[in-house]
Amino acid sequence: MYAEGLGIERNMAEAIRLYKAVEKVEFLAQIALGRIYSRGNGVAVDRAEALRYYSRASEWGDRVVDREEMREARDFVLRHSK
């Protein structure tokens, strides 16, 4: 809600704080953080941070393999992990 400003004022700092609070156990938080850092949404673009979160998301493997977000994570990792 904070990241998109859904029903409340948009607050990327709070969105990032909340995503980081659950990112170790939540696939979609890892994807959201990867997007934030790869696109510079409320922060400077940081490809290394984006790669870190997308890499963690891609480790979910078969549990979420059919999700568009998994393809996004794997594509980012392939393009930026050299």
PDB file of N, CA and C in Angstrom:
ATOM      1  N   MET A   1       0.822  -1.180   0.000  1.00  0.00           N
ATOM      2  CA  MET A   1       0.000   0.000   0.000  1.00  0.00           C
ATOM      3  C   MET A   1       0.872   1.252   0.000  1.00  0.00           C
ATOM      4  N   TYR A   2       1.937   1.244   0.804  1.00  0.00           N
ATOM      5  CA  TYR A   2       2.809   2.411   0.837  1.00  0.00           C
ATOM      6  C   TYR A   2       3.530   2.614  -0.491  1.00  0.00           C
ATOM      7  N   ALA A   3       3.953   1.546  -1.120  1.00  0.00           N
ATOM      8  CA  ALA A   3       4.686   1.659  -2.386  1.00  0.00           C
ATOM      9  C   ALA A   3       3.832   2.233  -3.496  1.00  0.00           C
ATOM     10  N   GLU A   4       2.566   1.903  -3.504  1.00  0.00           N
ATOM     11  CA  GLU A   4       1.668   2.339  -4.568  1.00  0.00           C
ATOM     12  C   GLU A   4       0.788   3.521  -4.173  1.00  0.00           C
ATOM     13  N   GLY A   5       0.767   3.864  -2.890  1.00  0.00           N
ATOM     14  CA  GLY A   5      -0.115   4.925  -2.432  1.00  0.00           C
ATOM     15  C   GLY A   5      -1.576   4.525  -2.492  1.00  0.00           C
ATOM     16  N   LEU A   6      -1.847   3.274  -2.146  1.00  0.00           N
ATOM     17  CA  LEU A   6      -3.215   2.755  -2.200  1.00  0.00           C
ATOM     18  C   LEU A   6      -3.959   3.061  -0.903  1.00  0.00           C
ATOM     19  N   GLY A   7      -4.800   4.073  -0.947  1.00  0.00           N
ATOM     20  CA  GLY A   7      -5.587   4.447   0.220  1.00  0.00           C
ATOM     21  C   GLY A   7      -4.829   5.276   1.238  1.00  0.00           C
ATOM     22  N   ILE A   8      -3.539   5.455   1.024  1.00  0.00           N
ATOM     23  CA  ILE A   8      -2.697   6.260   1.911  1.00  0.00           C
ATOM     24  C   ILE A   8      -1.696   7.016   1.050  1.00  0.00           C
ATOM     25  N   GLU A   9      -1.015   7.944   1.666  1.00  0.00           N
ATOM     26  CA  GLU A   9       0.013   8.683   0.934  1.00  0.00           C
ATOM     27  C   GLU A   9       1.181   7.755   0.603  1.00  0.00           C
ATOM     28  N   ARG A  10       1.676   7.863  -0.607  1.00  0.00           N
ATOM     29  CA  ARG A  10       2.816   7.036  -1.035  1.00  0.00           C
ATOM     30  C   ARG A  10       4.023   7.363  -0.168  1.00  0.00           C
ATOM     31  N   ASN A  11       4.685   6.314   0.335  1.00  0.00           N
ATOM     32  CA  ASN A  11       5.840   6.484   1.216  1.00  0.00           C
ATOM     33  C   ASN A  11       6.810   5.337   0.937  1.00  0.00           C
ATOM     34  N   MET A  12       7.756   5.563   0.027  1.00  0.00           N
ATOM     35  CA  MET A  12       8.672   4.493  -0.375  1.00  0.00           C
ATOM     36  C   MET A  12       9.592   4.065   0.759  1.00  0.00           C
ATOM     37  N   ALA A  13      10.000   4.979   1.614  1.00  0.00           N
ATOM     38  CA  ALA A  13      10.857   4.598   2.741  1.00  0.00           C
ATOM     39  C   ALA A  13      10.141   3.586   3.637  1.00  0.00           C
ATOM     40  N   GLU A  14       8.867   3.825   3.904  1.00  0.00           N
ATOM     41  CA  GLU A  14       8.099   2.885   4.731  1.00  0.00           C
ATOM     42  C   GLU A  14       7.856   1.578   3.984  1.00  0.00           C
ATOM     43  N   ALA A  15       7.590   1.656   2.689  1.00  0.00           N
ATOM     44  CA  ALA A  15       7.406   0.441   1.887  1.00  0.00           C
ATOM     45  C   ALA A  15       8.665  -0.410   1.931  1.00  0.00           C
ATOM     46  N   ILE A  16       9.806   0.211   1.736  1.00  0.00           N
ATOM     47  CA  ILE A  16      11.079  -0.528   1.768  1.00  0.00           C
ATOM     48  C   ILE A  16      11.300  -1.146   3.139  1.00  0.00           C
ATOM     49  N   ARG A  17      11.033  -0.386   4.186  1.00  0.00           N
ATOM     50  CA  ARG A  17      11.209  -0.915   5.542  1.00  0.00           C
ATOM     51  C   ARG A  17      10.345  -2.155   5.761  1.00  0.00           C
ATOM     52  N   LEU A  18       9.099  -2.096   5.331  1.00  0.00           N
ATOM     53  CA  LEU A  18       8.198  -3.231   5.517  1.00  0.00           C
ATOM     54  C   LEU A  18       8.583  -4.418   4.646  1.00  0.00           C
ATOM     55  N   TYR A  19       8.957  -4.167   3.399  1.00  0.00           N
ATOM     56  CA  TYR A  19       9.408  -5.268   2.538  1.00  0.00           C
ATOM     57  C   TYR A  19      10.638  -5.949   3.133  1.00  0.00           C
ATOM     58  N   LYS A  20      11.582  -5.152   3.629  1.00  0.00           N
ATOM     59  CA  LYS A  20      12.800  -5.739   4.211  1.00  0.00           C
ATOM     60  C   LYS A  20      12.497  -6.547   5.476  1.00  0.00           C
ATOM     61  N   ALA A  21      11.460  -6.155   6.203  1.00  0.00           N
ATOM     62  CA  ALA A  21      11.095  -6.868   7.423  1.00  0.00           C
ATOM     63  C   ALA A  21      10.658  -8.305   7.138  1.00  0.00           C
ATOM     64  N   VAL A  22      10.135  -8.547   5.932  1.00  0.00           N
ATOM     65  CA  VAL A  22       9.619  -9.884   5.622  1.00  0.00           C
ATOM     66  C   VAL A  22      10.313 -10.549   4.426  1.00  0.00           C
ATOM     67  N   GLU A  23      11.312  -9.902   3.852  1.00  0.00           N
ATOM     68  CA  GLU A  23      11.877 -10.399   2.607  1.00  0.00           C
ATOM     69  C   GLU A  23      12.530 -11.771   2.722  1.00  0.00           C
ATOM     70  N   LYS A  24      12.969 -12.167   3.886  1.00  0.00           N
ATOM     71  CA  LYS A  24      13.624 -13.471   4.004  1.00  0.00           C
ATOM     72  C   LYS A  24      12.647 -14.634   3.890  1.00  0.00           C
ATOM     73  N   VAL A  25      11.370 -14.360   4.071  1.00  0.00           N
ATOM     74  CA  VAL A  25      10.369 -15.428   4.007  1.00  0.00           C
ATOM     75  C   VAL A  25       9.264 -15.160   2.995  1.00  0.00           C
ATOM     76  N   GLU A  26       9.346 -14.062   2.282  1.00  0.00           N
ATOM     77  CA  GLU A  26       8.272 -13.693   1.372  1.00  0.00           C
ATOM     78  C   GLU A  26       8.805 -13.394  -0.025  1.00  0.00           C
ATOM     79  N   PHE A  27       8.481 -14.277  -0.945  1.00  0.00           N
ATOM     80  CA  PHE A  27       8.906 -14.168  -2.333  1.00  0.00           C
ATOM     81  C   PHE A  27       8.540 -12.822  -2.952  1.00  0.00           C
ATOM     82  N   LEU A  28       7.305 -12.372  -2.790  1.00  0.00           N
ATOM     83  CA  LEU A  28       6.866 -11.130  -3.421  1.00  0.00           C
ATOM     84  C   LEU A  28       7.554  -9.902  -2.830  1.00  0.00           C
ATOM     85  N   ALA A  29       7.978  -9.947  -1.579  1.00  0.00           N
ATOM     86  CA  ALA A  29       8.757  -8.841  -1.004  1.00  0.00           C
ATOM     87  C   ALA A  29      10.121  -8.772  -1.682  1.00  0.00           C
ATOM     88  N   GLN A  30      10.714  -9.926  -1.961  1.00  0.00           N
ATOM     89  CA  GLN A  30      11.998  -9.946  -2.659  1.00  0.00           C
ATOM     90  C   GLN A  30      11.859  -9.373  -4.066  1.00  0.00           C
ATOM     91  N   ILE A  31      10.787  -9.723  -4.742  1.00  0.00           N
ATOM     92  CA  ILE A  31      10.522  -9.184  -6.075  1.00  0.00           C
ATOM     93  C   ILE A  31      10.321  -7.670  -5.994  1.00  0.00           C
ATOM     94  N   ALA A  32       9.536  -7.223  -5.031  1.00  0.00           N
ATOM     95  CA  ALA A  32       9.271  -5.790  -4.889  1.00  0.00           C
ATOM     96  C   ALA A  32      10.567  -5.019  -4.637  1.00  0.00           C
ATOM     97  N   LEU A  33      11.425  -5.544  -3.780  1.00  0.00           N
ATOM     98  CA  LEU A  33      12.697  -4.874  -3.505  1.00  0.00           C
ATOM     99  C   LEU A  33      13.600  -4.892  -4.737  1.00  0.00           C
ATOM    100  N   GLY A  34      13.597  -5.993  -5.466  1.00  0.00           N
ATOM    101  CA  GLY A  34      14.359  -6.038  -6.714  1.00  0.00           C
ATOM    102  C   GLY A  34      13.887  -4.962  -7.680  1.00  0.00           C
ATOM    103  N   ARG A  35      12.593  -4.811  -7.799  1.00  0.00           N
ATOM    104  CA  ARG A  35      12.035  -3.775  -8.685  1.00  0.00           C
ATOM    105  C   ARG A  35      12.401  -2.374  -8.210  1.00  0.00           C
ATOM    106  N   ILE A  36      12.263  -2.137  -6.936  1.00  0.00           N
ATOM    107  CA  ILE A  36      12.557  -0.813  -6.385  1.00  0.00           C
ATOM    108  C   ILE A  36      13.994  -0.414  -6.704  1.00  0.00           C
ATOM    109  N   TYR A  37      14.943  -1.327  -6.429  1.00  0.00           N
ATOM    110  CA  TYR A  37      16.351  -0.986  -6.647  1.00  0.00           C
ATOM    111  C   TYR A  37      16.745  -1.009  -8.121  1.00  0.00           C
ATOM    112  N   SER A  38      16.125  -1.841  -8.928  1.00  0.00           N
ATOM    113  CA  SER A  38      16.486  -1.874 -10.348  1.00  0.00           C
ATOM    114  C   SER A  38      15.922  -0.676 -11.109  1.00  0.00           C
ATOM    115  N   ARG A  39      14.819  -0.143 -10.635  1.00  0.00           N
ATOM    116  CA  ARG A  39      14.159   0.976 -11.326  1.00  0.00           C
ATOM    117  C   ARG A  39      14.392   2.329 -10.656  1.00  0.00           C
ATOM    118  N   GLY A  40      14.928   2.307  -9.441  1.00  0.00           N
ATOM    119  CA  GLY A  40      15.147   3.553  -8.730  1.00  0.00           C
ATOM    120  C   GLY A  40      13.861   4.180  -8.235  1.00  0.00           C
ATOM    121  N   ASN A  41      12.947   3.368  -7.742  1.00  0.00           N
ATOM    122  CA  ASN A  41      11.669   3.867  -7.208  1.00  0.00           C
ATOM    123  C   ASN A  41      11.855   4.349  -5.771  1.00  0.00           C
ATOM    124  N   GLY A  42      12.072   5.641  -5.604  1.00  0.00           N
ATOM    125  CA  GLY A  42      12.241   6.195  -4.264  1.00  0.00           C
ATOM    126  C   GLY A  42      13.645   6.077  -3.719  1.00  0.00           C
ATOM    127  N   VAL A  43      14.527   5.448  -4.461  1.00  0.00           N
ATOM    128  CA  VAL A  43      15.940   5.298  -4.095  1.00  0.00           C
ATOM    129  C   VAL A  43      16.762   5.439  -5.376  1.00  0.00           C
ATOM    130  N   ALA A  44      18.057   5.569  -5.208  1.00  0.00           N
ATOM    131  CA  ALA A  44      18.928   5.570  -6.382  1.00  0.00           C
ATOM    132  C   ALA A  44      18.936   4.171  -6.986  1.00  0.00           C
ATOM    133  N   VAL A  45      19.045   4.084  -8.300  1.00  0.00           N
ATOM    134  CA  VAL A  45      19.177   2.778  -8.944  1.00  0.00           C
ATOM    135  C   VAL A  45      20.409   2.101  -8.366  1.00  0.00           C
ATOM    136  N   ASP A  46      20.239   0.857  -7.945  1.00  0.00           N
ATOM    137  CA  ASP A  46      21.343   0.086  -7.366  1.00  0.00           C
ATOM    138  C   ASP A  46      21.226  -1.340  -7.893  1.00  0.00           C
ATOM    139  N   ARG A  47      21.913  -1.614  -8.977  1.00  0.00           N
ATOM    140  CA  ARG A  47      21.811  -2.921  -9.623  1.00  0.00           C
ATOM    141  C   ARG A  47      22.324  -4.045  -8.729  1.00  0.00           C
ATOM    142  N   ALA A  48      23.321  -3.771  -7.903  1.00  0.00           N
ATOM    143  CA  ALA A  48      23.830  -4.802  -6.991  1.00  0.00           C
ATOM    144  C   ALA A  48      22.766  -5.200  -5.967  1.00  0.00           C
ATOM    145  N   GLU A  49      22.073  -4.218  -5.416  1.00  0.00           N
ATOM    146  CA  GLU A  49      20.981  -4.526  -4.471  1.00  0.00           C
ATOM    147  C   GLU A  49      19.846  -5.237  -5.187  1.00  0.00           C
ATOM    148  N   ALA A  50      19.503  -4.768  -6.376  1.00  0.00           N
ATOM    149  CA  ALA A  50      18.448  -5.428  -7.145  1.00  0.00           C
ATOM    150  C   ALA A  50      18.829  -6.874  -7.416  1.00  0.00           C
ATOM    151  N   LEU A  51      20.063  -7.103  -7.806  1.00  0.00           N
ATOM    152  CA  LEU A  51      20.534  -8.462  -8.076  1.00  0.00           C
ATOM    153  C   LEU A  51      20.439  -9.327  -6.828  1.00  0.00           C
ATOM    154  N   ARG A  52      20.779  -8.765  -5.687  1.00  0.00           N
ATOM    155  CA  ARG A  52      20.708  -9.527  -4.431  1.00  0.00           C
ATOM    156  C   ARG A  52      19.280  -9.996  -4.165  1.00  0.00           C
ATOM    157  N   TYR A  53      18.309  -9.104  -4.305  1.00  0.00           N
ATOM    158  CA  TYR A  53      16.924  -9.478  -4.022  1.00  0.00           C
ATOM    159  C   TYR A  53      16.345 -10.387  -5.108  1.00  0.00           C
ATOM    160  N   TYR A  54      16.636 -10.092  -6.364  1.00  0.00           N
ATOM    161  CA  TYR A  54      16.155 -10.968  -7.436  1.00  0.00           C
ATOM    162  C   TYR A  54      16.800 -12.361  -7.322  1.00  0.00           C
ATOM    163  N   SER A  55      18.058 -12.426  -6.913  1.00  0.00           N
ATOM    164  CA  SER A  55      18.717 -13.734  -6.740  1.00  0.00           C
ATOM    165  C   SER A  55      18.028 -14.544  -5.654  1.00  0.00           C
ATOM    166  N   ARG A  56      17.720 -13.890  -4.546  1.00  0.00           N
ATOM    167  CA  ARG A  56      16.997 -14.588  -3.475  1.00  0.00           C
ATOM    168  C   ARG A  56      15.639 -15.082  -3.966  1.00  0.00           C
ATOM    169  N   ALA A  57      14.953 -14.245  -4.721  1.00  0.00           N
ATOM    170  CA  ALA A  57      13.642 -14.643  -5.246  1.00  0.00           C
ATOM    171  C   ALA A  57      13.768 -15.830  -6.181  1.00  0.00           C
ATOM    172  N   SER A  58      14.808 -15.844  -7.008  1.00  0.00           N
ATOM    173  CA  SER A  58      14.968 -16.937  -7.967  1.00  0.00           C
ATOM    174  C   SER A  58      15.269 -18.261  -7.279  1.00  0.00           C
ATOM    175  N   GLU A  59      15.716 -18.224  -6.031  1.00  0.00           N
ATOM    176  CA  GLU A  59      15.984 -19.445  -5.272  1.00  0.00           C
ATOM    177  C   GLU A  59      14.707 -20.177  -4.847  1.00  0.00           C
ATOM    178  N   TRP A  60      13.565 -19.544  -4.986  1.00  0.00           N
ATOM    179  CA  TRP A  60      12.302 -20.189  -4.624  1.00  0.00           C
ATOM    180  C   TRP A  60      11.983 -21.333  -5.572  1.00  0.00           C
ATOM    181  N   GLY A  61      12.615 -21.335  -6.737  1.00  0.00           N
ATOM    182  CA  GLY A  61      12.526 -22.436  -7.676  1.00  0.00           C
ATOM    183  C   GLY A  61      11.133 -22.918  -7.989  1.00  0.00           C
ATOM    184  N   ASP A  62      10.943 -24.213  -7.860  1.00  0.00           N
ATOM    185  CA  ASP A  62       9.707 -24.870  -8.266  1.00  0.00           C
ATOM    186  C   ASP A  62       8.470 -24.412  -7.506  1.00  0.00           C
ATOM    187  N   ARG A  63       8.650 -23.822  -6.351  1.00  0.00           N
ATOM    188  CA  ARG A  63       7.485 -23.407  -5.563  1.00  0.00           C
ATOM    189  C   ARG A  63       6.687 -22.309  -6.251  1.00  0.00           C
ATOM    190  N   VAL A  64       7.340 -21.498  -7.069  1.00  0.00           N
ATOM    191  CA  VAL A  64       6.651 -20.399  -7.746  1.00  0.00           C
ATOM    192  C   VAL A  64       7.066 -20.282  -9.210  1.00  0.00           C
ATOM    193  N   VAL A  65       7.486 -21.387  -9.804  1.00  0.00           N
ATOM    194  CA  VAL A  65       8.085 -21.368 -11.139  1.00  0.00           C
ATOM    195  C   VAL A  65       7.171 -20.792 -12.217  1.00  0.00           C
ATOM    196  N   ASP A  66       5.889 -20.948 -12.102  1.00  0.00           N
ATOM    197  CA  ASP A  66       4.979 -20.496 -13.149  1.00  0.00           C
ATOM    198  C   ASP A  66       4.585 -19.029 -13.032  1.00  0.00           C
ATOM    199  N   ARG A  67       5.125 -18.337 -12.087  1.00  0.00           N
ATOM    200  CA  ARG A  67       4.748 -16.940 -11.863  1.00  0.00           C
ATOM    201  C   ARG A  67       5.556 -16.013 -12.755  1.00  0.00           C
ATOM    202  N   GLU A  68       4.907 -15.000 -13.235  1.00  0.00           N
ATOM    203  CA  GLU A  68       5.584 -13.974 -14.043  1.00  0.00           C
ATOM    204  C   GLU A  68       6.733 -13.341 -13.259  1.00  0.00           C
ATOM    205  N   GLU A  69       6.536 -13.170 -11.959  1.00  0.00           N
ATOM    206  CA  GLU A  69       7.568 -12.574 -11.123  1.00  0.00           C
ATOM    207  C   GLU A  69       8.833 -13.427 -11.091  1.00  0.00           C
ATOM    208  N   MET A  70       8.672 -14.758 -11.120  1.00  0.00           N
ATOM    209  CA  MET A  70       9.847 -15.628 -11.126  1.00  0.00           C
ATOM    210  C   MET A  70      10.622 -15.439 -12.425  1.00  0.00           C
ATOM    211  N   ARG A  71       9.908 -15.333 -13.538  1.00  0.00           N
ATOM    212  CA  ARG A  71      10.593 -15.078 -14.805  1.00  0.00           C
ATOM    213  C   ARG A  71      11.329 -13.746 -14.763  1.00  0.00           C
ATOM    214  N   GLU A  72      10.702 -12.750 -14.179  1.00  0.00           N
ATOM    215  CA  GLU A  72      11.338 -11.437 -14.031  1.00  0.00           C
ATOM    216  C   GLU A  72      12.630 -11.550 -13.228  1.00  0.00           C
ATOM    217  N   ALA A  73      12.579 -12.247 -12.101  1.00  0.00           N
ATOM    218  CA  ALA A  73      13.756 -12.402 -11.249  1.00  0.00           C
ATOM    219  C   ALA A  73      14.865 -13.145 -11.980  1.00  0.00           C
ATOM    220  N   ARG A  74      14.534 -14.238 -12.607  1.00  0.00           N
ATOM    221  CA  ARG A  74      15.554 -15.025 -13.306  1.00  0.00           C
ATOM    222  C   ARG A  74      16.161 -14.267 -14.476  1.00  0.00           C
ATOM    223  N   ASP A  75      15.343 -13.526 -15.207  1.00  0.00           N
ATOM    224  CA  ASP A  75      15.860 -12.723 -16.322  1.00  0.00           C
ATOM    225  C   ASP A  75      16.836 -11.660 -15.822  1.00  0.00           C
ATOM    226  N   PHE A  76      16.497 -10.995 -14.722  1.00  0.00           N
ATOM    227  CA  PHE A  76      17.378  -9.973 -14.174  1.00  0.00           C
ATOM    228  C   PHE A  76      18.702 -10.595 -13.736  1.00  0.00           C
ATOM    229  N   VAL A  77      18.638 -11.712 -13.054  1.00  0.00           N
ATOM    230  CA  VAL A  77      19.846 -12.378 -12.578  1.00  0.00           C
ATOM    231  C   VAL A  77      20.723 -12.786 -13.768  1.00  0.00           C
ATOM    232  N   LEU A  78      20.125 -13.343 -14.802  1.00  0.00           N
ATOM    233  CA  LEU A  78      20.905 -13.733 -15.978  1.00  0.00           C
ATOM    234  C   LEU A  78      21.582 -12.548 -16.645  1.00  0.00           C
ATOM    235  N   ARG A  79      20.893 -11.426 -16.719  1.00  0.00           N
ATOM    236  CA  ARG A  79      21.448 -10.242 -17.393  1.00  0.00           C
ATOM    237  C   ARG A  79      22.507  -9.523 -16.573  1.00  0.00           C
ATOM    238  N   HIS A  80      22.465  -9.619 -15.250  1.00  0.00           N
ATOM    239  CA  HIS A  80      23.326  -8.770 -14.407  1.00  0.00           C
ATOM    240  C   HIS A  80      24.311  -9.520 -13.526  1.00  0.00           C
ATOM    241  N   SER A  81      24.416 -10.803 -13.618  1.00  0.00           N
ATOM    242  CA  SER A  81      25.319 -11.538 -12.713  1.00  0.00           C
ATOM    243  C   SER A  81      26.589 -11.985 -13.421  1.00  0.00           C
ATOM    244  N   LYS A  82      27.260 -11.035 -13.995  1.00  0.00           N
ATOM    245  CA  LYS A  82      28.525 -11.359 -14.675  1.00  0.00           C
ATOM    246  C   LYS A  82      29.686 -10.701 -14.009  1.00  0.00           C
TER     247      LYS A  82
END
